[in-house]
Amino acid sequence: MAGDLIGVMVGGAIGLAGSFLPHLWERRRSKSAASAILLAYISGILHMERIRKHGDLYRRNLDDLRSGKTTHLFRVFGSEDADDPLQKALLGHVGFLPPVVARDLVVFCNMLGGLRIDLKAIALGQMDHLQIDEKIGILERDLKLWEDTRQLGKKLIADLGG
């Protein structure tokens, strides 16, 4: 009788482990995959900035506006399409991240979104009618936002294990 009870308990433990272990394994794998994908995305954004140097374009345009060399905002061609389908797809992985990292990722993506909105408006000429001081203000705020975005991106890379 005691042997039967032990057999039932061992069988029950094996059954429970067999039903939970695949779920736990899949969840762990999903978390690792989410971190890797998001790390690649953020690293890619920061790498492209090192290549394209948009921050330097902002600074030069600010200098030219302030000195009176120009009254025009620079244009980054291709900015007319500010949509980032990859970013939208990646947001589905946020739930696999620790809450603080998930929050920072959402903030990072929103910051990028704000910058893309302004780049699109500039590329479409929607800010051409603004006064010089208004253009300077927009570029200064965007440059500050980009610096904050870069710093948050670096923090996220570290948090995601990069």
C-alpha atoms as a PDB file:
ATOM      1  CA  MET A   1       0.000   0.000   0.000  1.00  0.00           C
ATOM      2  CA  ALA A   2       2.806   2.467   0.872  1.00  0.00           C
ATOM      3  CA  GLY A   3       4.535   1.398  -2.349  1.00  0.00           C
ATOM      4  CA  ASP A   4       1.403   2.246  -4.330  1.00  0.00           C
ATOM      5  CA  LEU A   5       1.215   5.678  -2.703  1.00  0.00           C
ATOM      6  CA  ILE A   6       4.873   6.376  -3.510  1.00  0.00           C
ATOM      7  CA  GLY A   7       4.318   5.191  -7.084  1.00  0.00           C
ATOM      8  CA  VAL A   8       1.325   7.502  -7.483  1.00  0.00           C
ATOM      9  CA  MET A   9       3.294  10.430  -6.046  1.00  0.00           C
ATOM     10  CA  VAL A  10       6.307   9.770  -8.264  1.00  0.00           C
ATOM     11  CA  GLY A  11       4.073   9.348 -11.297  1.00  0.00           C
ATOM     12  CA  GLY A  12       2.233  12.555 -10.455  1.00  0.00           C
ATOM     13  CA  ALA A  13       5.497  14.465 -10.066  1.00  0.00           C
ATOM     14  CA  ILE A  14       6.760  13.146 -13.399  1.00  0.00           C
ATOM     15  CA  GLY A  15       3.464  14.064 -15.047  1.00  0.00           C
ATOM     16  CA  LEU A  16       3.519  17.589 -13.639  1.00  0.00           C
ATOM     17  CA  ALA A  17       7.136  18.112 -14.632  1.00  0.00           C
ATOM     18  CA  GLY A  18       6.383  16.774 -18.114  1.00  0.00           C
ATOM     19  CA  SER A  19       3.545  19.238 -18.568  1.00  0.00           C
ATOM     20  CA  PHE A  20       5.321  22.313 -17.151  1.00  0.00           C
ATOM     21  CA  LEU A  21       8.888  21.879 -18.388  1.00  0.00           C
ATOM     22  CA  PRO A  22       8.126  22.394 -22.103  1.00  0.00           C
ATOM     23  CA  HIS A  23       6.159  25.551 -21.246  1.00  0.00           C
ATOM     24  CA  LEU A  24       8.984  26.904 -19.071  1.00  0.00           C
ATOM     25  CA  TRP A  25      11.561  26.029 -21.738  1.00  0.00           C
ATOM     26  CA  GLU A  26       9.545  27.800 -24.447  1.00  0.00           C
ATOM     27  CA  ARG A  27       9.073  30.876 -22.268  1.00  0.00           C
ATOM     28  CA  ARG A  28      12.816  31.047 -21.555  1.00  0.00           C
ATOM     29  CA  ARG A  29      13.580  30.667 -25.261  1.00  0.00           C
ATOM     30  CA  SER A  30      11.090  33.425 -26.130  1.00  0.00           C
ATOM     31  CA  LYS A  31      12.683  35.775 -23.596  1.00  0.00           C
ATOM     32  CA  SER A  32      16.145  35.122 -25.044  1.00  0.00           C
ATOM     33  CA  ALA A  33      14.896  35.608 -28.588  1.00  0.00           C
ATOM     34  CA  ALA A  34      13.138  38.865 -27.669  1.00  0.00           C
ATOM     35  CA  SER A  35      16.288  40.227 -26.054  1.00  0.00           C
ATOM     36  CA  ALA A  36      18.413  39.260 -29.057  1.00  0.00           C
ATOM     37  CA  ILE A  37      16.010  40.775 -31.598  1.00  0.00           C
ATOM     38  CA  LEU A  38      15.610  44.025 -29.688  1.00  0.00           C
ATOM     39  CA  LEU A  39      19.344  44.257 -29.051  1.00  0.00           C
ATOM     40  CA  ALA A  40      19.949  43.917 -32.790  1.00  0.00           C
ATOM     41  CA  TYR A  41      17.361  46.599 -33.604  1.00  0.00           C
ATOM     42  CA  ILE A  42      18.691  49.164 -31.136  1.00  0.00           C
ATOM     43  CA  SER A  43      22.310  48.426 -32.044  1.00  0.00           C
ATOM     44  CA  GLY A  44      21.394  48.862 -35.707  1.00  0.00           C
ATOM     45  CA  ILE A  45      19.776  52.250 -35.086  1.00  0.00           C
ATOM     46  CA  LEU A  46      22.842  53.501 -33.209  1.00  0.00           C
ATOM     47  CA  HIS A  47      25.224  52.022 -35.793  1.00  0.00           C
ATOM     48  CA  MET A  48      23.422  53.799 -38.646  1.00  0.00           C
ATOM     49  CA  GLU A  49      23.722  57.080 -36.744  1.00  0.00           C
ATOM     50  CA  ARG A  50      27.479  56.584 -36.519  1.00  0.00           C
ATOM     51  CA  ILE A  51      27.522  56.112 -40.305  1.00  0.00           C
ATOM     52  CA  ARG A  52      24.990  58.744 -41.402  1.00  0.00           C
ATOM     53  CA  LYS A  53      25.729  61.306 -38.667  1.00  0.00           C
ATOM     54  CA  HIS A  54      22.296  62.930 -38.576  1.00  0.00           C
ATOM     55  CA  GLY A  55      23.244  64.669 -35.330  1.00  0.00           C
ATOM     56  CA  ASP A  56      26.038  66.440 -37.233  1.00  0.00           C
ATOM     57  CA  LEU A  57      23.530  67.513 -39.909  1.00  0.00           C
ATOM     58  CA  TYR A  58      21.399  69.078 -37.187  1.00  0.00           C
ATOM     59  CA  ARG A  59      24.406  70.887 -35.697  1.00  0.00           C
ATOM     60  CA  ARG A  60      25.568  72.238 -39.073  1.00  0.00           C
ATOM     61  CA  ASN A  61      22.072  73.376 -39.964  1.00  0.00           C
ATOM     62  CA  LEU A  62      21.746  75.077 -36.569  1.00  0.00           C
ATOM     63  CA  ASP A  63      25.068  76.876 -37.122  1.00  0.00           C
ATOM     64  CA  ASP A  64      24.006  77.956 -40.621  1.00  0.00           C
ATOM     65  CA  LEU A  65      20.613  79.207 -39.421  1.00  0.00           C
ATOM     66  CA  ARG A  66      22.154  81.131 -36.540  1.00  0.00           C
ATOM     67  CA  SER A  67      24.827  82.728 -38.740  1.00  0.00           C
ATOM     68  CA  GLY A  68      22.355  83.688 -41.464  1.00  0.00           C
ATOM     69  CA  LYS A  69      23.989  81.445 -44.105  1.00  0.00           C
ATOM     70  CA  THR A  70      20.612  79.862 -44.755  1.00  0.00           C
ATOM     71  CA  THR A  71      16.958  80.151 -43.854  1.00  0.00           C
ATOM     72  CA  HIS A  72      16.214  76.559 -44.893  1.00  0.00           C
ATOM     73  CA  LEU A  73      16.084  73.368 -42.905  1.00  0.00           C
ATOM     74  CA  PHE A  74      18.209  70.475 -44.146  1.00  0.00           C
ATOM     75  CA  ARG A  75      16.375  67.569 -45.730  1.00  0.00           C
ATOM     76  CA  VAL A  76      17.071  63.901 -45.185  1.00  0.00           C
ATOM     77  CA  PHE A  77      15.675  62.319 -48.318  1.00  0.00           C
ATOM     78  CA  GLY A  78      13.618  59.248 -47.601  1.00  0.00           C
ATOM     79  CA  SER A  79      12.336  60.737 -44.349  1.00  0.00           C
ATOM     80  CA  GLU A  80       9.007  61.310 -46.042  1.00  0.00           C
ATOM     81  CA  ASP A  81       8.183  57.744 -45.045  1.00  0.00           C
ATOM     82  CA  ALA A  82       8.498  57.858 -41.272  1.00  0.00           C
ATOM     83  CA  ASP A  83       6.834  54.473 -40.785  1.00  0.00           C
ATOM     84  CA  ASP A  84       9.029  51.744 -39.277  1.00  0.00           C
ATOM     85  CA  PRO A  85       7.342  48.359 -39.759  1.00  0.00           C
ATOM     86  CA  LEU A  86      10.237  46.572 -38.053  1.00  0.00           C
ATOM     87  CA  GLN A  87       9.744  48.645 -34.911  1.00  0.00           C
ATOM     88  CA  LYS A  88       6.032  47.827 -34.912  1.00  0.00           C
ATOM     89  CA  ALA A  89       6.775  44.113 -35.242  1.00  0.00           C
ATOM     90  CA  LEU A  90       9.328  44.205 -32.433  1.00  0.00           C
ATOM     91  CA  LEU A  91       6.935  45.747 -29.953  1.00  0.00           C
ATOM     92  CA  GLY A  92       5.184  42.373 -29.781  1.00  0.00           C
ATOM     93  CA  HIS A  93       8.228  41.083 -27.887  1.00  0.00           C
ATOM     94  CA  VAL A  94       8.028  43.666 -25.113  1.00  0.00           C
ATOM     95  CA  GLY A  95       6.049  41.346 -22.845  1.00  0.00           C
ATOM     96  CA  PHE A  96       9.005  38.981 -22.575  1.00  0.00           C
ATOM     97  CA  LEU A  97      11.259  41.665 -21.096  1.00  0.00           C
ATOM     98  CA  PRO A  98      11.673  42.702 -17.482  1.00  0.00           C
ATOM     99  CA  PRO A  99       9.260  45.587 -16.732  1.00  0.00           C
ATOM    100  CA  VAL A 100      11.953  48.294 -16.448  1.00  0.00           C
ATOM    101  CA  VAL A 101      13.583  47.237 -19.734  1.00  0.00           C
ATOM    102  CA  ALA A 102      10.168  47.042 -21.429  1.00  0.00           C
ATOM    103  CA  ARG A 103       9.356  50.564 -20.230  1.00  0.00           C
ATOM    104  CA  ASP A 104      12.684  51.903 -21.492  1.00  0.00           C
ATOM    105  CA  LEU A 105      12.186  50.195 -24.844  1.00  0.00           C
ATOM    106  CA  VAL A 106       8.754  51.766 -25.294  1.00  0.00           C
ATOM    107  CA  VAL A 107      10.188  55.173 -24.354  1.00  0.00           C
ATOM    108  CA  PHE A 108      13.087  54.645 -26.818  1.00  0.00           C
ATOM    109  CA  CYS A 109      10.672  53.783 -29.635  1.00  0.00           C
ATOM    110  CA  ASN A 110       8.450  56.768 -28.842  1.00  0.00           C
ATOM    111  CA  MET A 111      11.472  59.069 -28.835  1.00  0.00           C
ATOM    112  CA  LEU A 112      12.502  57.721 -32.261  1.00  0.00           C
ATOM    113  CA  GLY A 113       8.937  58.195 -33.433  1.00  0.00           C
ATOM    114  CA  GLY A 114       8.965  61.853 -32.405  1.00  0.00           C
ATOM    115  CA  LEU A 115      12.208  62.452 -34.264  1.00  0.00           C
ATOM    116  CA  ARG A 116      10.867  60.694 -37.350  1.00  0.00           C
ATOM    117  CA  ILE A 117       7.747  62.879 -37.322  1.00  0.00           C
ATOM    118  CA  ASP A 118       9.889  66.024 -37.417  1.00  0.00           C
ATOM    119  CA  LEU A 119      12.232  64.613 -40.072  1.00  0.00           C
ATOM    120  CA  LYS A 120       9.200  63.766 -42.188  1.00  0.00           C
ATOM    121  CA  ALA A 121       7.730  67.255 -41.732  1.00  0.00           C
ATOM    122  CA  ILE A 122      11.068  68.816 -42.697  1.00  0.00           C
ATOM    123  CA  ALA A 123      11.422  66.543 -45.748  1.00  0.00           C
ATOM    124  CA  LEU A 124       7.904  67.438 -46.899  1.00  0.00           C
ATOM    125  CA  GLY A 125       8.559  71.161 -46.455  1.00  0.00           C
ATOM    126  CA  GLN A 126       5.912  71.497 -43.748  1.00  0.00           C
ATOM    127  CA  MET A 127       8.215  73.680 -41.644  1.00  0.00           C
ATOM    128  CA  ASP A 128       9.432  75.955 -44.433  1.00  0.00           C
ATOM    129  CA  HIS A 129       7.025  78.748 -43.424  1.00  0.00           C
ATOM    130  CA  LEU A 130       8.342  78.941 -39.845  1.00  0.00           C
ATOM    131  CA  GLN A 131      10.449  81.829 -38.604  1.00  0.00           C
ATOM    132  CA  ILE A 132      14.190  81.230 -38.173  1.00  0.00           C
ATOM    133  CA  ASP A 133      13.951  81.187 -34.376  1.00  0.00           C
ATOM    134  CA  GLU A 134      11.163  78.585 -34.557  1.00  0.00           C
ATOM    135  CA  LYS A 135      13.272  76.406 -36.864  1.00  0.00           C
ATOM    136  CA  ILE A 136      16.238  76.750 -34.521  1.00  0.00           C
ATOM    137  CA  GLY A 137      14.042  75.797 -31.560  1.00  0.00           C
ATOM    138  CA  ILE A 138      12.791  72.669 -33.314  1.00  0.00           C
ATOM    139  CA  LEU A 139      16.299  71.593 -34.300  1.00  0.00           C
ATOM    140  CA  GLU A 140      17.638  72.253 -30.785  1.00  0.00           C
ATOM    141  CA  ARG A 141      14.852  70.225 -29.183  1.00  0.00           C
ATOM    142  CA  ASP A 142      15.267  67.414 -31.701  1.00  0.00           C
ATOM    143  CA  LEU A 143      19.022  67.343 -31.195  1.00  0.00           C
ATOM    144  CA  LYS A 144      18.518  67.139 -27.417  1.00  0.00           C
ATOM    145  CA  LEU A 145      15.901  64.423 -27.930  1.00  0.00           C
ATOM    146  CA  TRP A 146      18.308  62.486 -30.162  1.00  0.00           C
ATOM    147  CA  GLU A 147      21.088  62.699 -27.550  1.00  0.00           C
ATOM    148  CA  ASP A 148      18.674  61.425 -24.884  1.00  0.00           C
ATOM    149  CA  THR A 149      17.517  58.672 -27.271  1.00  0.00           C
ATOM    150  CA  ARG A 150      21.115  57.610 -27.958  1.00  0.00           C
ATOM    151  CA  GLN A 151      21.889  57.459 -24.230  1.00  0.00           C
ATOM    152  CA  LEU A 152      18.767  55.412 -23.556  1.00  0.00           C
ATOM    153  CA  GLY A 153      19.681  53.133 -26.471  1.00  0.00           C
ATOM    154  CA  LYS A 154      23.129  52.533 -24.983  1.00  0.00           C
ATOM    155  CA  LYS A 155      21.543  51.738 -21.614  1.00  0.00           C
ATOM    156  CA  LEU A 156      19.122  49.320 -23.271  1.00  0.00           C
ATOM    157  CA  ILE A 157      21.966  47.587 -25.090  1.00  0.00           C
ATOM    158  CA  ALA A 158      23.671  47.017 -21.750  1.00  0.00           C
ATOM    159  CA  ASP A 159      20.415  45.898 -20.111  1.00  0.00           C
ATOM    160  CA  LEU A 160      19.735  43.446 -22.957  1.00  0.00           C
ATOM    161  CA  GLY A 161      23.171  41.897 -22.571  1.00  0.00           C
ATOM    162  CA  GLY A 162      24.971  43.576 -25.439  1.00  0.00           C
END
